[in-house]
Amino acid sequence: MEIAITKLSSKGQIVLPLEMRKKFNVGEKLLIIEDKNRFILKRASKLDSEFNDDLKFAKRSDEALDKIKAGKFKTMNSNNFLDELAKW
């Protein structure tokens, strides 16, 4: 995973850092998804069945975080946790 910081210009443009930009082709179409405070950037040419899985995972993650923030979580031993995880 790579992490970088960039800025939004007055024209609404975002510059991808050089090392990340090298991984894209000029003119390549990108899909930007906003979900609360998260933005997901994906190649439009790479949309496939994994895309739906990505969205489901993001939704589950947000729901879990909301439950934790609300104090609605439970503790369990590792075996029970793995059993619950297998249901996903």
PDB file of N, CA and C in Angstrom:
ATOM      1  N   MET A   1       0.850  -1.158   0.000  1.00  0.00           N
ATOM      2  CA  MET A   1       0.000   0.000   0.000  1.00  0.00           C
ATOM      3  C   MET A   1       0.898   1.223   0.000  1.00  0.00           C
ATOM      4  N   GLU A   2       0.541   2.202  -0.802  1.00  0.00           N
ATOM      5  CA  GLU A   2       1.261   3.468  -0.842  1.00  0.00           C
ATOM      6  C   GLU A   2       0.353   4.572  -0.331  1.00  0.00           C
ATOM      7  N   ILE A   3       0.924   5.519   0.370  1.00  0.00           N
ATOM      8  CA  ILE A   3       0.177   6.661   0.883  1.00  0.00           C
ATOM      9  C   ILE A   3       0.938   7.920   0.501  1.00  0.00           C
ATOM     10  N   ALA A   4       0.212   8.935   0.045  1.00  0.00           N
ATOM     11  CA  ALA A   4       0.834  10.206  -0.319  1.00  0.00           C
ATOM     12  C   ALA A   4      -0.126  11.336   0.002  1.00  0.00           C
ATOM     13  N   ILE A   5       0.392  12.537   0.060  1.00  0.00           N
ATOM     14  CA  ILE A   5      -0.416  13.726   0.311  1.00  0.00           C
ATOM     15  C   ILE A   5      -0.390  14.592  -0.932  1.00  0.00           C
ATOM     16  N   THR A   6      -1.546  15.121  -1.294  1.00  0.00           N
ATOM     17  CA  THR A   6      -1.652  16.020  -2.434  1.00  0.00           C
ATOM     18  C   THR A   6      -2.622  17.132  -2.070  1.00  0.00           C
ATOM     19  N   LYS A   7      -2.826  18.087  -2.984  1.00  0.00           N
ATOM     20  CA  LYS A   7      -3.723  19.210  -2.719  1.00  0.00           C
ATOM     21  C   LYS A   7      -4.760  19.319  -3.826  1.00  0.00           C
ATOM     22  N   LEU A   8      -5.863  19.935  -3.480  1.00  0.00           N
ATOM     23  CA  LEU A   8      -6.918  20.242  -4.432  1.00  0.00           C
ATOM     24  C   LEU A   8      -6.680  21.666  -4.932  1.00  0.00           C
ATOM     25  N   SER A   9      -6.641  21.859  -6.251  1.00  0.00           N
ATOM     26  CA  SER A   9      -6.409  23.193  -6.796  1.00  0.00           C
ATOM     27  C   SER A   9      -7.702  24.001  -6.786  1.00  0.00           C
ATOM     28  N   SER A  10      -7.589  25.281  -7.072  1.00  0.00           N
ATOM     29  CA  SER A  10      -8.773  26.146  -7.124  1.00  0.00           C
ATOM     30  C   SER A  10      -9.707  25.737  -8.259  1.00  0.00           C
ATOM     31  N   LYS A  11      -9.194  24.973  -9.218  1.00  0.00           N
ATOM     32  CA  LYS A  11     -10.008  24.482 -10.340  1.00  0.00           C
ATOM     33  C   LYS A  11     -10.572  23.089 -10.056  1.00  0.00           C
ATOM     34  N   GLY A  12     -10.347  22.585  -8.841  1.00  0.00           N
ATOM     35  CA  GLY A  12     -10.871  21.270  -8.485  1.00  0.00           C
ATOM     36  C   GLY A  12     -10.014  20.121  -8.970  1.00  0.00           C
ATOM     37  N   GLN A  13      -8.792  20.388  -9.367  1.00  0.00           N
ATOM     38  CA  GLN A  13      -7.900  19.349  -9.874  1.00  0.00           C
ATOM     39  C   GLN A  13      -7.058  18.776  -8.744  1.00  0.00           C
ATOM     40  N   ILE A  14      -6.805  17.483  -8.840  1.00  0.00           N
ATOM     41  CA  ILE A  14      -5.944  16.796  -7.887  1.00  0.00           C
ATOM     42  C   ILE A  14      -4.769  16.225  -8.668  1.00  0.00           C
ATOM     43  N   VAL A  15      -3.578  16.487  -8.189  1.00  0.00           N
ATOM     44  CA  VAL A  15      -2.384  15.956  -8.838  1.00  0.00           C
ATOM     45  C   VAL A  15      -1.982  14.676  -8.130  1.00  0.00           C
ATOM     46  N   LEU A  16      -1.898  13.591  -8.886  1.00  0.00           N
ATOM     47  CA  LEU A  16      -1.413  12.341  -8.317  1.00  0.00           C
ATOM     48  C   LEU A  16       0.101  12.439  -8.180  1.00  0.00           C
ATOM     49  N   PRO A  17       0.653  12.018  -7.059  1.00  0.00           N
ATOM     50  CA  PRO A  17       2.110  12.032  -6.906  1.00  0.00           C
ATOM     51  C   PRO A  17       2.769  11.230  -8.032  1.00  0.00           C
ATOM     52  N   LEU A  18       3.954  11.656  -8.438  1.00  0.00           N
ATOM     53  CA  LEU A  18       4.637  11.098  -9.606  1.00  0.00           C
ATOM     54  C   LEU A  18       4.723   9.582  -9.579  1.00  0.00           C
ATOM     55  N   GLU A  19       5.136   9.006  -8.460  1.00  0.00           N
ATOM     56  CA  GLU A  19       5.298   7.546  -8.404  1.00  0.00           C
ATOM     57  C   GLU A  19       3.979   6.816  -8.639  1.00  0.00           C
ATOM     58  N   MET A  20       2.878   7.369  -8.176  1.00  0.00           N
ATOM     59  CA  MET A  20       1.562   6.759  -8.401  1.00  0.00           C
ATOM     60  C   MET A  20       1.086   7.047  -9.819  1.00  0.00           C
ATOM     61  N   ARG A  21       1.364   8.232 -10.302  1.00  0.00           N
ATOM     62  CA  ARG A  21       0.928   8.646 -11.634  1.00  0.00           C
ATOM     63  C   ARG A  21       1.538   7.766 -12.711  1.00  0.00           C
ATOM     64  N   LYS A  22       2.738   7.266 -12.488  1.00  0.00           N
ATOM     65  CA  LYS A  22       3.417   6.415 -13.480  1.00  0.00           C
ATOM     66  C   LYS A  22       2.642   5.131 -13.750  1.00  0.00           C
ATOM     67  N   LYS A  23       1.749   4.773 -12.837  1.00  0.00           N
ATOM     68  CA  LYS A  23       0.998   3.523 -12.975  1.00  0.00           C
ATOM     69  C   LYS A  23      -0.260   3.678 -13.836  1.00  0.00           C
ATOM     70  N   PHE A  24      -0.525   4.899 -14.306  1.00  0.00           N
ATOM     71  CA  PHE A  24      -1.698   5.174 -15.129  1.00  0.00           C
ATOM     72  C   PHE A  24      -1.268   5.593 -16.537  1.00  0.00           C
ATOM     73  N   ASN A  25      -2.145   5.378 -17.489  1.00  0.00           N
ATOM     74  CA  ASN A  25      -1.911   5.827 -18.860  1.00  0.00           C
ATOM     75  C   ASN A  25      -2.560   7.183 -19.068  1.00  0.00           C
ATOM     76  N   VAL A  26      -1.955   8.016 -19.895  1.00  0.00           N
ATOM     77  CA  VAL A  26      -2.532   9.322 -20.209  1.00  0.00           C
ATOM     78  C   VAL A  26      -3.919   9.110 -20.805  1.00  0.00           C
ATOM     79  N   GLY A  27      -4.895   9.839 -20.324  1.00  0.00           N
ATOM     80  CA  GLY A  27      -6.258   9.740 -20.833  1.00  0.00           C
ATOM     81  C   GLY A  27      -7.079   8.616 -20.221  1.00  0.00           C
ATOM     82  N   GLU A  28      -6.472   7.858 -19.336  1.00  0.00           N
ATOM     83  CA  GLU A  28      -7.185   6.743 -18.711  1.00  0.00           C
ATOM     84  C   GLU A  28      -8.338   7.276 -17.864  1.00  0.00           C
ATOM     85  N   LYS A  29      -9.505   6.650 -17.973  1.00  0.00           N
ATOM     86  CA  LYS A  29     -10.675   7.077 -17.216  1.00  0.00           C
ATOM     87  C   LYS A  29     -10.629   6.463 -15.825  1.00  0.00           C
ATOM     88  N   LEU A  30     -10.972   7.298 -14.834  1.00  0.00           N
ATOM     89  CA  LEU A  30     -10.962   6.870 -13.443  1.00  0.00           C
ATOM     90  C   LEU A  30     -12.333   7.094 -12.832  1.00  0.00           C
ATOM     91  N   LEU A  31     -12.719   6.217 -11.956  1.00  0.00           N
ATOM     92  CA  LEU A  31     -13.987   6.305 -11.255  1.00  0.00           C
ATOM     93  C   LEU A  31     -13.692   6.752  -9.829  1.00  0.00           C
ATOM     94  N   ILE A  32     -14.413   7.765  -9.350  1.00  0.00           N
ATOM     95  CA  ILE A  32     -14.252   8.240  -7.978  1.00  0.00           C
ATOM     96  C   ILE A  32     -15.568   8.020  -7.254  1.00  0.00           C
ATOM     97  N   ILE A  33     -15.489   7.335  -6.126  1.00  0.00           N
ATOM     98  CA  ILE A  33     -16.670   7.025  -5.326  1.00  0.00           C
ATOM     99  C   ILE A  33     -16.515   7.720  -3.981  1.00  0.00           C
ATOM    100  N   GLU A  34     -17.529   8.461  -3.575  1.00  0.00           N
ATOM    101  CA  GLU A  34     -17.507   9.084  -2.257  1.00  0.00           C
ATOM    102  C   GLU A  34     -18.432   8.303  -1.344  1.00  0.00           C
ATOM    103  N   ASP A  35     -17.919   7.976  -0.174  1.00  0.00           N
ATOM    104  CA  ASP A  35     -18.702   7.281   0.839  1.00  0.00           C
ATOM    105  C   ASP A  35     -18.354   7.902   2.175  1.00  0.00           C
ATOM    106  N   LYS A  36     -19.234   8.777   2.661  1.00  0.00           N
ATOM    107  CA  LYS A  36     -18.987   9.537   3.892  1.00  0.00           C
ATOM    108  C   LYS A  36     -17.695  10.327   3.715  1.00  0.00           C
ATOM    109  N   ASN A  37     -16.682  10.066   4.526  1.00  0.00           N
ATOM    110  CA  ASN A  37     -15.424  10.806   4.449  1.00  0.00           C
ATOM    111  C   ASN A  37     -14.352  10.062   3.669  1.00  0.00           C
ATOM    112  N   ARG A  38     -14.739   9.060   2.909  1.00  0.00           N
ATOM    113  CA  ARG A  38     -13.783   8.242   2.170  1.00  0.00           C
ATOM    114  C   ARG A  38     -14.000   8.436   0.669  1.00  0.00           C
ATOM    115  N   PHE A  39     -12.906   8.514  -0.061  1.00  0.00           N
ATOM    116  CA  PHE A  39     -12.964   8.563  -1.508  1.00  0.00           C
ATOM    117  C   PHE A  39     -12.195   7.363  -2.040  1.00  0.00           C
ATOM    118  N   ILE A  40     -12.807   6.665  -2.979  1.00  0.00           N
ATOM    119  CA  ILE A  40     -12.188   5.489  -3.578  1.00  0.00           C
ATOM    120  C   ILE A  40     -11.940   5.810  -5.045  1.00  0.00           C
ATOM    121  N   LEU A  41     -10.711   5.595  -5.492  1.00  0.00           N
ATOM    122  CA  LEU A  41     -10.320   5.856  -6.869  1.00  0.00           C
ATOM    123  C   LEU A  41     -10.030   4.518  -7.537  1.00  0.00           C
ATOM    124  N   LYS A  42     -10.727   4.241  -8.643  1.00  0.00           N
ATOM    125  CA  LYS A  42     -10.530   2.976  -9.358  1.00  0.00           C
ATOM    126  C   LYS A  42     -10.438   3.247 -10.848  1.00  0.00           C
ATOM    127  N   ARG A  43      -9.707   2.408 -11.528  1.00  0.00           N
ATOM    128  CA  ARG A  43      -9.655   2.481 -12.987  1.00  0.00           C
ATOM    129  C   ARG A  43     -11.024   2.055 -13.532  1.00  0.00           C
ATOM    130  N   ALA A  44     -11.579   2.833 -14.426  1.00  0.00           N
ATOM    131  CA  ALA A  44     -12.879   2.484 -15.008  1.00  0.00           C
ATOM    132  C   ALA A  44     -12.770   1.189 -15.804  1.00  0.00           C
ATOM    133  N   SER A  45     -11.607   0.927 -16.389  1.00  0.00           N
ATOM    134  CA  SER A  45     -11.423  -0.289 -17.189  1.00  0.00           C
ATOM    135  C   SER A  45     -11.329  -1.539 -16.321  1.00  0.00           C
ATOM    136  N   LYS A  46     -11.151  -1.384 -15.007  1.00  0.00           N
ATOM    137  CA  LYS A  46     -10.978  -2.526 -14.120  1.00  0.00           C
ATOM    138  C   LYS A  46     -12.242  -2.858 -13.333  1.00  0.00           C
ATOM    139  N   LEU A  47     -13.371  -2.275 -13.711  1.00  0.00           N
ATOM    140  CA  LEU A  47     -14.613  -2.576 -13.003  1.00  0.00           C
ATOM    141  C   LEU A  47     -15.042  -3.999 -13.334  1.00  0.00           C
ATOM    142  N   ASP A  48     -15.218  -4.775 -12.327  1.00  0.00           N
ATOM    143  CA  ASP A  48     -15.606  -6.167 -12.510  1.00  0.00           C
ATOM    144  C   ASP A  48     -16.325  -6.640 -11.253  1.00  0.00           C
ATOM    145  N   SER A  49     -16.406  -7.927 -11.073  1.00  0.00           N
ATOM    146  CA  SER A  49     -17.113  -8.464  -9.914  1.00  0.00           C
ATOM    147  C   SER A  49     -16.461  -8.039  -8.603  1.00  0.00           C
ATOM    148  N   GLU A  50     -15.168  -7.779  -8.611  1.00  0.00           N
ATOM    149  CA  GLU A  50     -14.489  -7.348  -7.398  1.00  0.00           C
ATOM    150  C   GLU A  50     -14.997  -5.989  -6.925  1.00  0.00           C
ATOM    151  N   PHE A  51     -15.497  -5.189  -7.847  1.00  0.00           N
ATOM    152  CA  PHE A  51     -15.988  -3.859  -7.490  1.00  0.00           C
ATOM    153  C   PHE A  51     -17.148  -3.967  -6.500  1.00  0.00           C
ATOM    154  N   ASN A  52     -18.080  -4.857  -6.764  1.00  0.00           N
ATOM    155  CA  ASN A  52     -19.198  -5.059  -5.842  1.00  0.00           C
ATOM    156  C   ASN A  52     -18.698  -5.539  -4.485  1.00  0.00           C
ATOM    157  N   ASP A  53     -17.698  -6.412  -4.495  1.00  0.00           N
ATOM    158  CA  ASP A  53     -17.112  -6.886  -3.241  1.00  0.00           C
ATOM    159  C   ASP A  53     -16.468  -5.734  -2.475  1.00  0.00           C
ATOM    160  N   ASP A  54     -15.788  -4.834  -3.197  1.00  0.00           N
ATOM    161  CA  ASP A  54     -15.168  -3.669  -2.560  1.00  0.00           C
ATOM    162  C   ASP A  54     -16.224  -2.802  -1.873  1.00  0.00           C
ATOM    163  N   LEU A  55     -17.343  -2.580  -2.551  1.00  0.00           N
ATOM    164  CA  LEU A  55     -18.402  -1.753  -1.980  1.00  0.00           C
ATOM    165  C   LEU A  55     -19.024  -2.411  -0.748  1.00  0.00           C
ATOM    166  N   LYS A  56     -19.240  -3.714  -0.827  1.00  0.00           N
ATOM    167  CA  LYS A  56     -19.800  -4.436   0.325  1.00  0.00           C
ATOM    168  C   LYS A  56     -18.853  -4.373   1.514  1.00  0.00           C
ATOM    169  N   PHE A  57     -17.563  -4.549   1.247  1.00  0.00           N
ATOM    170  CA  PHE A  57     -16.581  -4.500   2.321  1.00  0.00           C
ATOM    171  C   PHE A  57     -16.541  -3.115   2.958  1.00  0.00           C
ATOM    172  N   ALA A  58     -16.576  -2.071   2.138  1.00  0.00           N
ATOM    173  CA  ALA A  58     -16.560  -0.701   2.666  1.00  0.00           C
ATOM    174  C   ALA A  58     -17.791  -0.449   3.529  1.00  0.00           C
ATOM    175  N   LYS A  59     -18.944  -0.941   3.088  1.00  0.00           N
ATOM    176  CA  LYS A  59     -20.172  -0.751   3.860  1.00  0.00           C
ATOM    177  C   LYS A  59     -20.095  -1.487   5.196  1.00  0.00           C
ATOM    178  N   ARG A  60     -19.631  -2.726   5.182  1.00  0.00           N
ATOM    179  CA  ARG A  60     -19.501  -3.494   6.421  1.00  0.00           C
ATOM    180  C   ARG A  60     -18.519  -2.827   7.378  1.00  0.00           C
ATOM    181  N   SER A  61     -17.428  -2.312   6.826  1.00  0.00           N
ATOM    182  CA  SER A  61     -16.427  -1.641   7.665  1.00  0.00           C
ATOM    183  C   SER A  61     -17.022  -0.414   8.336  1.00  0.00           C
ATOM    184  N   ASP A  62     -17.764   0.374   7.575  1.00  0.00           N
ATOM    185  CA  ASP A  62     -18.401   1.566   8.143  1.00  0.00           C
ATOM    186  C   ASP A  62     -19.423   1.199   9.209  1.00  0.00           C
ATOM    187  N   GLU A  63     -20.220   0.159   8.957  1.00  0.00           N
ATOM    188  CA  GLU A  63     -21.210  -0.270   9.934  1.00  0.00           C
ATOM    189  C   GLU A  63     -20.540  -0.740  11.223  1.00  0.00           C
ATOM    190  N   ALA A  64     -19.438  -1.475  11.084  1.00  0.00           N
ATOM    191  CA  ALA A  64     -18.720  -1.955  12.265  1.00  0.00           C
ATOM    192  C   ALA A  64     -18.130  -0.787  13.052  1.00  0.00           C
ATOM    193  N   LEU A  65     -17.563   0.176  12.350  1.00  0.00           N
ATOM    194  CA  LEU A  65     -16.991   1.339  13.023  1.00  0.00           C
ATOM    195  C   LEU A  65     -18.072   2.135  13.758  1.00  0.00           C
ATOM    196  N   ASP A  66     -19.224   2.285  13.130  1.00  0.00           N
ATOM    197  CA  ASP A  66     -20.337   2.984  13.783  1.00  0.00           C
ATOM    198  C   ASP A  66     -20.763   2.261  15.067  1.00  0.00           C
ATOM    199  N   LYS A  67     -20.810   0.920  15.028  1.00  0.00           N
ATOM    200  CA  LYS A  67     -21.180   0.144  16.217  1.00  0.00           C
ATOM    201  C   LYS A  67     -20.142   0.309  17.323  1.00  0.00           C
ATOM    202  N   ILE A  68     -18.871   0.305  16.949  1.00  0.00           N
ATOM    203  CA  ILE A  68     -17.814   0.475  17.944  1.00  0.00           C
ATOM    204  C   ILE A  68     -17.916   1.850  18.583  1.00  0.00           C
ATOM    205  N   LYS A  69     -18.130   2.874  17.776  1.00  0.00           N
ATOM    206  CA  LYS A  69     -18.248   4.236  18.298  1.00  0.00           C
ATOM    207  C   LYS A  69     -19.450   4.364  19.234  1.00  0.00           C
ATOM    208  N   ALA A  70     -20.513   3.610  18.954  1.00  0.00           N
ATOM    209  CA  ALA A  70     -21.723   3.664  19.783  1.00  0.00           C
ATOM    210  C   ALA A  70     -21.638   2.735  20.994  1.00  0.00           C
ATOM    211  N   GLY A  71     -20.507   2.032  21.139  1.00  0.00           N
ATOM    212  CA  GLY A  71     -20.346   1.123  22.271  1.00  0.00           C
ATOM    213  C   GLY A  71     -21.115  -0.175  22.105  1.00  0.00           C
ATOM    214  N   LYS A  72     -21.518  -0.487  20.887  1.00  0.00           N
ATOM    215  CA  LYS A  72     -22.293  -1.706  20.617  1.00  0.00           C
ATOM    216  C   LYS A  72     -21.388  -2.779  20.013  1.00  0.00           C
ATOM    217  N   PHE A  73     -20.488  -3.276  20.785  1.00  0.00           N
ATOM    218  CA  PHE A  73     -19.612  -4.333  20.318  1.00  0.00           C
ATOM    219  C   PHE A  73     -19.577  -5.427  21.367  1.00  0.00           C
ATOM    220  N   LYS A  74     -19.073  -6.571  21.007  1.00  0.00           N
ATOM    221  CA  LYS A  74     -19.003  -7.656  21.969  1.00  0.00           C
ATOM    222  C   LYS A  74     -17.613  -8.277  21.921  1.00  0.00           C
ATOM    223  N   THR A  75     -17.270  -8.943  22.986  1.00  0.00           N
ATOM    224  CA  THR A  75     -15.993  -9.635  23.040  1.00  0.00           C
ATOM    225  C   THR A  75     -16.248 -11.130  22.892  1.00  0.00           C
ATOM    226  N   MET A  76     -15.267 -11.827  22.338  1.00  0.00           N
ATOM    227  CA  MET A  76     -15.373 -13.275  22.185  1.00  0.00           C
ATOM    228  C   MET A  76     -13.981 -13.858  22.066  1.00  0.00           C
ATOM    229  N   ASN A  77     -13.887 -15.146  22.309  1.00  0.00           N
ATOM    230  CA  ASN A  77     -12.575 -15.778  22.184  1.00  0.00           C
ATOM    231  C   ASN A  77     -12.234 -15.968  20.705  1.00  0.00           C
ATOM    232  N   SER A  78     -11.002 -16.317  20.439  1.00  0.00           N
ATOM    233  CA  SER A  78     -10.527 -16.387  19.050  1.00  0.00           C
ATOM    234  C   SER A  78     -11.272 -17.421  18.216  1.00  0.00           C
ATOM    235  N   ASN A  79     -11.635 -18.560  18.807  1.00  0.00           N
ATOM    236  CA  ASN A  79     -12.360 -19.590  18.045  1.00  0.00           C
ATOM    237  C   ASN A  79     -13.737 -19.092  17.607  1.00  0.00           C
ATOM    238  N   ASN A  80     -14.454 -18.436  18.525  1.00  0.00           N
ATOM    239  CA  ASN A  80     -15.764 -17.889  18.171  1.00  0.00           C
ATOM    240  C   ASN A  80     -15.628 -16.793  17.124  1.00  0.00           C
ATOM    241  N   PHE A  81     -14.573 -16.004  17.258  1.00  0.00           N
ATOM    242  CA  PHE A  81     -14.339 -14.940  16.272  1.00  0.00           C
ATOM    243  C   PHE A  81     -14.124 -15.526  14.879  1.00  0.00           C
ATOM    244  N   LEU A  82     -13.316 -16.553  14.797  1.00  0.00           N
ATOM    245  CA  LEU A  82     -13.057 -17.186  13.499  1.00  0.00           C
ATOM    246  C   LEU A  82     -14.322 -17.824  12.933  1.00  0.00           C
ATOM    247  N   ASP A  83     -15.167 -18.382  13.796  1.00  0.00           N
ATOM    248  CA  ASP A  83     -16.441 -18.942  13.341  1.00  0.00           C
ATOM    249  C   ASP A  83     -17.334 -17.832  12.752  1.00  0.00           C
ATOM    250  N   GLU A  84     -17.380 -16.692  13.442  1.00  0.00           N
ATOM    251  CA  GLU A  84     -18.173 -15.556  12.949  1.00  0.00           C
ATOM    252  C   GLU A  84     -17.612 -15.033  11.632  1.00  0.00           C
ATOM    253  N   LEU A  85     -16.306 -14.939  11.569  1.00  0.00           N
ATOM    254  CA  LEU A  85     -15.653 -14.448  10.356  1.00  0.00           C
ATOM    255  C   LEU A  85     -15.937 -15.341   9.164  1.00  0.00           C
ATOM    256  N   ALA A  86     -15.983 -16.646   9.389  1.00  0.00           N
ATOM    257  CA  ALA A  86     -16.255 -17.605   8.310  1.00  0.00           C
ATOM    258  C   ALA A  86     -17.649 -17.412   7.723  1.00  0.00           C
ATOM    259  N   LYS A  87     -18.577 -16.864   8.503  1.00  0.00           N
ATOM    260  CA  LYS A  87     -19.937 -16.631   8.013  1.00  0.00           C
ATOM    261  C   LYS A  87     -19.989 -15.510   6.991  1.00  0.00           C
ATOM    262  N   TRP A  88     -18.997 -14.624   7.027  1.00  0.00           N
ATOM    263  CA  TRP A  88     -18.979 -13.503   6.083  1.00  0.00           C
ATOM    264  C   TRP A  88     -18.762 -14.028   4.708  1.00  0.00           C
TER     265      TRP A  88
END
